[in-house]
Every structure is written in C-alpha cells, then in structure tokens.
Amino acid sequence: MLLKLFWGFLQVGLFTFGGGYASLPLVRQQIEQGGWMSPEEFTDILAISQMTPGPIAINTATFVGLKAGGLPGAFVATLSFILPSVIIISLLAFLYRKYSELPAVQNALSGIRPAATGLILSAAIGIVVTAVFGAEISGLLSGAALPGPDVIMLAMICAGVAVLRRFKAPLLLVIAVCGAAGGVVYTFL
C-alpha cells in the first residue's frame, strides 16, 4: 500500500502544473485507480482540505494517505507529492533567474496558463457534479440515468459563491455557516 501511495502521489506531484487545484483531477484519478475511497469521500476530504491551514493539494494528499495507509500512508503520500516540486522548483528557480527575459521563456509561460486554467475548471466541475448529483462527471457525460440534483446543496453552493464574490465575506465564515446550515438541514431531512 505504501509503495502504491508513493508512486501514485509522486506521479501527481511530477505531472501537476498550475497549483493545488490543478492537481485535483490527477489525485482523483489515483484514488479511482487505487480504490482508496469513494467519490463522495473524496469530495468530503476536499472540503476538509480547503478549510484546514495549508495548501489544498498537500492537505488532500495527507488525508488520502491517512485514509488509505494510516499515519505512515499520510507521511508517504505527502512526501512523495512534494518531492518532485522541491527538486523541479529549485532547478527552475535557478534557470528562471538566469533566463527569464528570453522571449521563448515568456512564450512557454503564456502557453501553460490556459492548460492550468482548464485543469482547475475540470476539477471544479467534477466536484460540483459529485456534490449536487451524488455521481461522478463520467456518469453525467455518458447519458446514464442520474439521481435528481440535490437542490439544497446547489442552493448552498450558489449562496456561498455569491456571498464570497459579491460581499467579499471571509472564507472561514462562509465555510462555518454552510457547515452549520448543512448540519441542520441534512439532520432533519
């Protein structure tokens, strides 16, 4: 198990570009291949990872490792996830410092931005579909019969986005209010 976690999260760390959110589709893929948790559990872990201090991707790797392999699994998943970044960013920092003004470098960075944006959007859509429909995006795209949407979940998502964007409410406050509201609503429904 620890070797599978190491290899899986090493790949995620090695092939993720664009930050923590961009890694989420690759993390989800590793979870599916390893059978470490359900899509619903992954969505729950993402919520917990978002509201705990630290980068979401590292938090997610730690929680997945903990679920799949206990405390040693958490350590291995976290370490293997960050190892490629530490090596690559050290090398790139040296090269960027030396060659950052070259047009080829600037053009390459311009090409990476849309790919990273697409990865983030893909992760966001997958998370929303899992939360609202209780099914994976593949089920939605395949035309398979899906359960009806959870309108309460959809309303909470929309309200949370609106409050964050329109009123610039503190993220922790929105998370706490949505968590409390979800606890009350889903307890009595």
C-alpha atoms as a PDB file:
ATOM      1  CA  MET A   1       0.000   0.000   0.000  1.00  0.00           C
ATOM      2  CA  LEU A   2       2.751   2.474   0.931  1.00  0.00           C
ATOM      3  CA  LEU A   3       4.561   1.816  -2.344  1.00  0.00           C
ATOM      4  CA  LYS A   4       1.324   2.413  -4.281  1.00  0.00           C
ATOM      5  CA  LEU A   5       0.760   5.665  -2.388  1.00  0.00           C
ATOM      6  CA  PHE A   6       4.355   6.740  -3.010  1.00  0.00           C
ATOM      7  CA  TRP A   7       4.203   6.001  -6.729  1.00  0.00           C
ATOM      8  CA  GLY A   8       0.716   7.483  -7.169  1.00  0.00           C
ATOM      9  CA  PHE A   9       1.439  10.769  -5.417  1.00  0.00           C
ATOM     10  CA  LEU A  10       4.905  11.021  -6.944  1.00  0.00           C
ATOM     11  CA  GLN A  11       3.185  10.988 -10.337  1.00  0.00           C
ATOM     12  CA  VAL A  12       0.683  13.621  -9.218  1.00  0.00           C
ATOM     13  CA  GLY A  13       3.474  15.814  -7.897  1.00  0.00           C
ATOM     14  CA  LEU A  14       5.540  15.317 -11.042  1.00  0.00           C
ATOM     15  CA  PHE A  15       2.808  15.980 -13.597  1.00  0.00           C
ATOM     16  CA  THR A  16       0.759  18.738 -11.981  1.00  0.00           C
ATOM     17  CA  PHE A  17       1.126  22.241 -13.336  1.00  0.00           C
ATOM     18  CA  GLY A  18      -0.865  25.229 -12.155  1.00  0.00           C
ATOM     19  CA  GLY A  19      -1.066  24.884  -8.395  1.00  0.00           C
ATOM     20  CA  GLY A  20      -3.037  22.872  -5.890  1.00  0.00           C
ATOM     21  CA  TYR A  21      -6.413  22.941  -7.598  1.00  0.00           C
ATOM     22  CA  ALA A  22      -4.857  21.806 -10.867  1.00  0.00           C
ATOM     23  CA  SER A  23      -3.650  18.631  -9.112  1.00  0.00           C
ATOM     24  CA  LEU A  24      -7.132  17.553  -8.052  1.00  0.00           C
ATOM     25  CA  PRO A  25      -8.084  15.702 -11.277  1.00  0.00           C
ATOM     26  CA  LEU A  26      -4.862  13.690 -11.031  1.00  0.00           C
ATOM     27  CA  VAL A  27      -5.439  12.983  -7.337  1.00  0.00           C
ATOM     28  CA  ARG A  28      -8.968  11.827  -8.150  1.00  0.00           C
ATOM     29  CA  GLN A  29      -7.597   9.554 -10.882  1.00  0.00           C
ATOM     30  CA  GLN A  30      -5.093   7.984  -8.455  1.00  0.00           C
ATOM     31  CA  ILE A  31      -7.868   7.437  -5.910  1.00  0.00           C
ATOM     32  CA  GLU A  32     -10.042   5.713  -8.511  1.00  0.00           C
ATOM     33  CA  GLN A  33      -7.180   3.504  -9.710  1.00  0.00           C
ATOM     34  CA  GLY A  34      -6.178   2.607  -6.156  1.00  0.00           C
ATOM     35  CA  GLY A  35      -9.750   2.153  -4.945  1.00  0.00           C
ATOM     36  CA  TRP A  36      -8.805   4.120  -1.835  1.00  0.00           C
ATOM     37  CA  MET A  37     -12.133   5.907  -1.348  1.00  0.00           C
ATOM     38  CA  SER A  38     -15.461   6.755  -2.964  1.00  0.00           C
ATOM     39  CA  PRO A  39     -16.089   9.972  -4.945  1.00  0.00           C
ATOM     40  CA  GLU A  40     -18.242  11.216  -2.064  1.00  0.00           C
ATOM     41  CA  GLU A  41     -15.422  10.609   0.429  1.00  0.00           C
ATOM     42  CA  PHE A  42     -13.041  12.468  -1.897  1.00  0.00           C
ATOM     43  CA  THR A  43     -15.431  15.425  -2.022  1.00  0.00           C
ATOM     44  CA  ASP A  44     -15.604  15.409   1.785  1.00  0.00           C
ATOM     45  CA  ILE A  45     -11.810  15.326   2.015  1.00  0.00           C
ATOM     46  CA  LEU A  46     -11.603  18.263  -0.400  1.00  0.00           C
ATOM     47  CA  ALA A  47     -13.925  20.251   1.836  1.00  0.00           C
ATOM     48  CA  ILE A  48     -11.827  19.439   4.890  1.00  0.00           C
ATOM     49  CA  SER A  49      -8.601  20.173   2.996  1.00  0.00           C
ATOM     50  CA  GLN A  50      -9.937  23.552   1.908  1.00  0.00           C
ATOM     51  CA  MET A  51     -10.776  24.664   5.416  1.00  0.00           C
ATOM     52  CA  THR A  52      -7.625  23.430   7.144  1.00  0.00           C
ATOM     53  CA  PRO A  53      -4.457  25.532   7.124  1.00  0.00           C
ATOM     54  CA  GLY A  54      -2.004  24.858   4.315  1.00  0.00           C
ATOM     55  CA  PRO A  55      -2.176  24.202   0.590  1.00  0.00           C
ATOM     56  CA  ILE A  56      -5.222  22.214  -0.508  1.00  0.00           C
ATOM     57  CA  ALA A  57      -3.221  19.758  -2.611  1.00  0.00           C
ATOM     58  CA  ILE A  58      -0.846  18.830   0.200  1.00  0.00           C
ATOM     59  CA  ASN A  59      -3.713  18.606   2.682  1.00  0.00           C
ATOM     60  CA  THR A  60      -5.610  16.361   0.261  1.00  0.00           C
ATOM     61  CA  ALA A  61      -2.583  14.106  -0.259  1.00  0.00           C
ATOM     62  CA  THR A  62      -2.155  13.835   3.508  1.00  0.00           C
ATOM     63  CA  PHE A  63      -5.829  12.979   4.112  1.00  0.00           C
ATOM     64  CA  VAL A  64      -5.916  10.447   1.259  1.00  0.00           C
ATOM     65  CA  GLY A  65      -2.707   8.838   2.537  1.00  0.00           C
ATOM     66  CA  LEU A  66      -4.153   8.694   6.053  1.00  0.00           C
ATOM     67  CA  LYS A  67      -7.351   7.054   4.802  1.00  0.00           C
ATOM     68  CA  ALA A  68      -5.500   4.552   2.604  1.00  0.00           C
ATOM     69  CA  GLY A  69      -2.499   3.702   4.773  1.00  0.00           C
ATOM     70  CA  GLY A  70      -2.825   5.232   8.227  1.00  0.00           C
ATOM     71  CA  LEU A  71      -0.188   7.582   9.600  1.00  0.00           C
ATOM     72  CA  PRO A  72       2.632   6.049   7.505  1.00  0.00           C
ATOM     73  CA  GLY A  73       0.403   6.467   4.439  1.00  0.00           C
ATOM     74  CA  ALA A  74      -0.146  10.136   5.235  1.00  0.00           C
ATOM     75  CA  PHE A  75       3.605  10.690   5.552  1.00  0.00           C
ATOM     76  CA  VAL A  76       4.428   8.791   2.338  1.00  0.00           C
ATOM     77  CA  ALA A  77       1.681  10.467   0.272  1.00  0.00           C
ATOM     78  CA  THR A  78       2.677  13.943   1.458  1.00  0.00           C
ATOM     79  CA  LEU A  79       6.402  13.417   0.981  1.00  0.00           C
ATOM     80  CA  SER A  80       6.055  11.825  -2.457  1.00  0.00           C
ATOM     81  CA  PHE A  81       3.670  14.587  -3.546  1.00  0.00           C
ATOM     82  CA  ILE A  82       6.053  17.424  -2.662  1.00  0.00           C
ATOM     83  CA  LEU A  83       9.337  15.741  -3.624  1.00  0.00           C
ATOM     84  CA  PRO A  84       9.136  16.454  -7.377  1.00  0.00           C
ATOM     85  CA  SER A  85       8.160  20.070  -6.702  1.00  0.00           C
ATOM     86  CA  VAL A  86      11.096  20.672  -4.395  1.00  0.00           C
ATOM     87  CA  ILE A  87      13.535  19.306  -6.958  1.00  0.00           C
ATOM     88  CA  ILE A  88      11.927  20.913 -10.004  1.00  0.00           C
ATOM     89  CA  ILE A  89      11.300  24.338  -8.465  1.00  0.00           C
ATOM     90  CA  SER A  90      14.875  24.537  -7.225  1.00  0.00           C
ATOM     91  CA  LEU A  91      16.135  23.857 -10.741  1.00  0.00           C
ATOM     92  CA  LEU A  92      13.593  26.179 -12.362  1.00  0.00           C
ATOM     93  CA  ALA A  93      14.317  28.996  -9.931  1.00  0.00           C
ATOM     94  CA  PHE A  94      17.941  28.830 -10.943  1.00  0.00           C
ATOM     95  CA  LEU A  95      17.093  28.746 -14.661  1.00  0.00           C
ATOM     96  CA  TYR A  96      14.395  31.427 -14.416  1.00  0.00           C
ATOM     97  CA  ARG A  97      16.728  33.757 -12.616  1.00  0.00           C
ATOM     98  CA  LYS A  98      19.266  33.285 -15.385  1.00  0.00           C
ATOM     99  CA  TYR A  99      16.984  33.233 -18.485  1.00  0.00           C
ATOM    100  CA  SER A 100      13.662  34.912 -17.547  1.00  0.00           C
ATOM    101  CA  GLU A 101      13.972  37.722 -20.092  1.00  0.00           C
ATOM    102  CA  LEU A 102      14.193  35.424 -23.120  1.00  0.00           C
ATOM    103  CA  PRO A 103      11.107  35.553 -25.393  1.00  0.00           C
ATOM    104  CA  ALA A 104      10.995  31.743 -25.607  1.00  0.00           C
ATOM    105  CA  VAL A 105      10.621  31.523 -21.830  1.00  0.00           C
ATOM    106  CA  GLN A 106       7.848  34.127 -21.806  1.00  0.00           C
ATOM    107  CA  ASN A 107       6.050  32.346 -24.677  1.00  0.00           C
ATOM    108  CA  ALA A 108       6.226  28.980 -22.900  1.00  0.00           C
ATOM    109  CA  LEU A 109       4.699  30.501 -19.769  1.00  0.00           C
ATOM    110  CA  SER A 110       1.896  32.005 -21.873  1.00  0.00           C
ATOM    111  CA  GLY A 111       1.126  28.545 -23.244  1.00  0.00           C
ATOM    112  CA  ILE A 112       0.975  26.896 -19.828  1.00  0.00           C
ATOM    113  CA  ARG A 113      -1.633  29.312 -18.422  1.00  0.00           C
ATOM    114  CA  PRO A 114      -4.649  28.037 -20.445  1.00  0.00           C
ATOM    115  CA  ALA A 115      -3.795  24.411 -19.696  1.00  0.00           C
ATOM    116  CA  ALA A 116      -3.650  25.123 -15.962  1.00  0.00           C
ATOM    117  CA  THR A 117      -6.953  27.006 -16.147  1.00  0.00           C
ATOM    118  CA  GLY A 118      -8.569  24.036 -17.888  1.00  0.00           C
ATOM    119  CA  LEU A 119      -7.318  21.643 -15.198  1.00  0.00           C
ATOM    120  CA  ILE A 120      -8.766  23.828 -12.452  1.00  0.00           C
ATOM    121  CA  LEU A 121     -12.100  24.101 -14.277  1.00  0.00           C
ATOM    122  CA  SER A 122     -12.198  20.339 -14.786  1.00  0.00           C
ATOM    123  CA  ALA A 123     -11.665  19.736 -11.068  1.00  0.00           C
ATOM    124  CA  ALA A 124     -14.314  22.299 -10.130  1.00  0.00           C
ATOM    125  CA  ILE A 125     -16.918  20.788 -12.457  1.00  0.00           C
ATOM    126  CA  GLY A 126     -16.200  17.283 -11.139  1.00  0.00           C
ATOM    127  CA  ILE A 127     -16.560  18.424  -7.537  1.00  0.00           C
ATOM    128  CA  VAL A 128     -19.835  20.270  -8.218  1.00  0.00           C
ATOM    129  CA  VAL A 129     -21.340  17.323 -10.122  1.00  0.00           C
ATOM    130  CA  THR A 130     -20.383  14.913  -7.324  1.00  0.00           C
ATOM    131  CA  ALA A 131     -21.797  17.243  -4.653  1.00  0.00           C
ATOM    132  CA  VAL A 132     -25.039  18.099  -6.482  1.00  0.00           C
ATOM    133  CA  PHE A 133     -25.842  14.793  -8.202  1.00  0.00           C
ATOM    134  CA  GLY A 134     -24.037  12.326  -5.941  1.00  0.00           C
ATOM    135  CA  ALA A 135     -22.430  10.874  -9.062  1.00  0.00           C
ATOM    136  CA  GLU A 136     -19.222  11.301 -10.969  1.00  0.00           C
ATOM    137  CA  ILE A 137     -18.963  13.502 -14.050  1.00  0.00           C
ATOM    138  CA  SER A 138     -18.417  10.390 -16.199  1.00  0.00           C
ATOM    139  CA  GLY A 139     -21.973   9.309 -15.335  1.00  0.00           C
ATOM    140  CA  LEU A 140     -23.337  12.676 -16.351  1.00  0.00           C
ATOM    141  CA  LEU A 141     -21.426  12.653 -19.649  1.00  0.00           C
ATOM    142  CA  SER A 142     -22.337   9.057 -20.515  1.00  0.00           C
ATOM    143  CA  GLY A 143     -26.040   9.811 -20.524  1.00  0.00           C
ATOM    144  CA  ALA A 144     -26.692   7.312 -17.741  1.00  0.00           C
ATOM    145  CA  ALA A 145     -29.685   7.964 -15.538  1.00  0.00           C
ATOM    146  CA  LEU A 146     -28.584  10.142 -12.670  1.00  0.00           C
ATOM    147  CA  PRO A 147     -30.400  10.870  -9.469  1.00  0.00           C
ATOM    148  CA  GLY A 148     -32.092  14.243  -9.347  1.00  0.00           C
ATOM    149  CA  PRO A 149     -29.985  17.139  -8.207  1.00  0.00           C
ATOM    150  CA  ASP A 150     -29.692  17.927  -4.532  1.00  0.00           C
ATOM    151  CA  VAL A 151     -31.311  21.366  -4.742  1.00  0.00           C
ATOM    152  CA  ILE A 152     -30.304  22.248  -1.190  1.00  0.00           C
ATOM    153  CA  MET A 153     -26.656  21.516  -1.992  1.00  0.00           C
ATOM    154  CA  LEU A 154     -26.948  23.518  -5.227  1.00  0.00           C
ATOM    155  CA  ALA A 155     -28.527  26.445  -3.366  1.00  0.00           C
ATOM    156  CA  MET A 156     -25.777  26.362  -0.736  1.00  0.00           C
ATOM    157  CA  ILE A 157     -23.089  26.326  -3.438  1.00  0.00           C
ATOM    158  CA  CYS A 158     -24.689  29.281  -5.229  1.00  0.00           C
ATOM    159  CA  ALA A 159     -25.216  31.206  -1.996  1.00  0.00           C
ATOM    160  CA  GLY A 160     -21.631  30.574  -0.909  1.00  0.00           C
ATOM    161  CA  VAL A 161     -20.240  31.760  -4.248  1.00  0.00           C
ATOM    162  CA  ALA A 162     -22.493  34.821  -4.226  1.00  0.00           C
ATOM    163  CA  VAL A 163     -21.538  35.815  -0.683  1.00  0.00           C
ATOM    164  CA  LEU A 164     -17.835  35.307  -1.406  1.00  0.00           C
ATOM    165  CA  ARG A 165     -17.855  37.198  -4.706  1.00  0.00           C
ATOM    166  CA  ARG A 166     -20.396  39.956  -4.015  1.00  0.00           C
ATOM    167  CA  PHE A 167     -19.785  40.720  -0.369  1.00  0.00           C
ATOM    168  CA  LYS A 168     -16.176  39.547  -0.059  1.00  0.00           C
ATOM    169  CA  ALA A 169     -17.106  37.626   3.091  1.00  0.00           C
ATOM    170  CA  PRO A 170     -14.286  35.835   4.903  1.00  0.00           C
ATOM    171  CA  LEU A 171     -13.846  32.312   3.556  1.00  0.00           C
ATOM    172  CA  LEU A 172     -13.811  30.698   7.009  1.00  0.00           C
ATOM    173  CA  LEU A 173     -17.081  32.418   7.896  1.00  0.00           C
ATOM    174  CA  VAL A 174     -18.752  31.101   4.720  1.00  0.00           C
ATOM    175  CA  ILE A 175     -17.422  27.594   5.389  1.00  0.00           C
ATOM    176  CA  ALA A 176     -18.646  27.702   9.015  1.00  0.00           C
ATOM    177  CA  VAL A 177     -22.115  28.995   8.060  1.00  0.00           C
ATOM    178  CA  CYS A 178     -22.515  26.462   5.230  1.00  0.00           C
ATOM    179  CA  GLY A 179     -21.283  23.664   7.510  1.00  0.00           C
ATOM    180  CA  ALA A 180     -23.749  24.626  10.233  1.00  0.00           C
ATOM    181  CA  ALA A 181     -26.593  25.037   7.728  1.00  0.00           C
ATOM    182  CA  GLY A 182     -25.780  21.658   6.143  1.00  0.00           C
ATOM    183  CA  GLY A 183     -25.650  20.019   9.548  1.00  0.00           C
ATOM    184  CA  VAL A 184     -29.074  21.380  10.467  1.00  0.00           C
ATOM    185  CA  VAL A 185     -30.757  20.814   7.089  1.00  0.00           C
ATOM    186  CA  TYR A 186     -29.415  17.320   6.441  1.00  0.00           C
ATOM    187  CA  THR A 187     -30.061  16.196  10.010  1.00  0.00           C
ATOM    188  CA  PHE A 188     -33.749  16.983   9.737  1.00  0.00           C
ATOM    189  CA  LEU A 189     -34.379  15.958   6.111  1.00  0.00           C
END
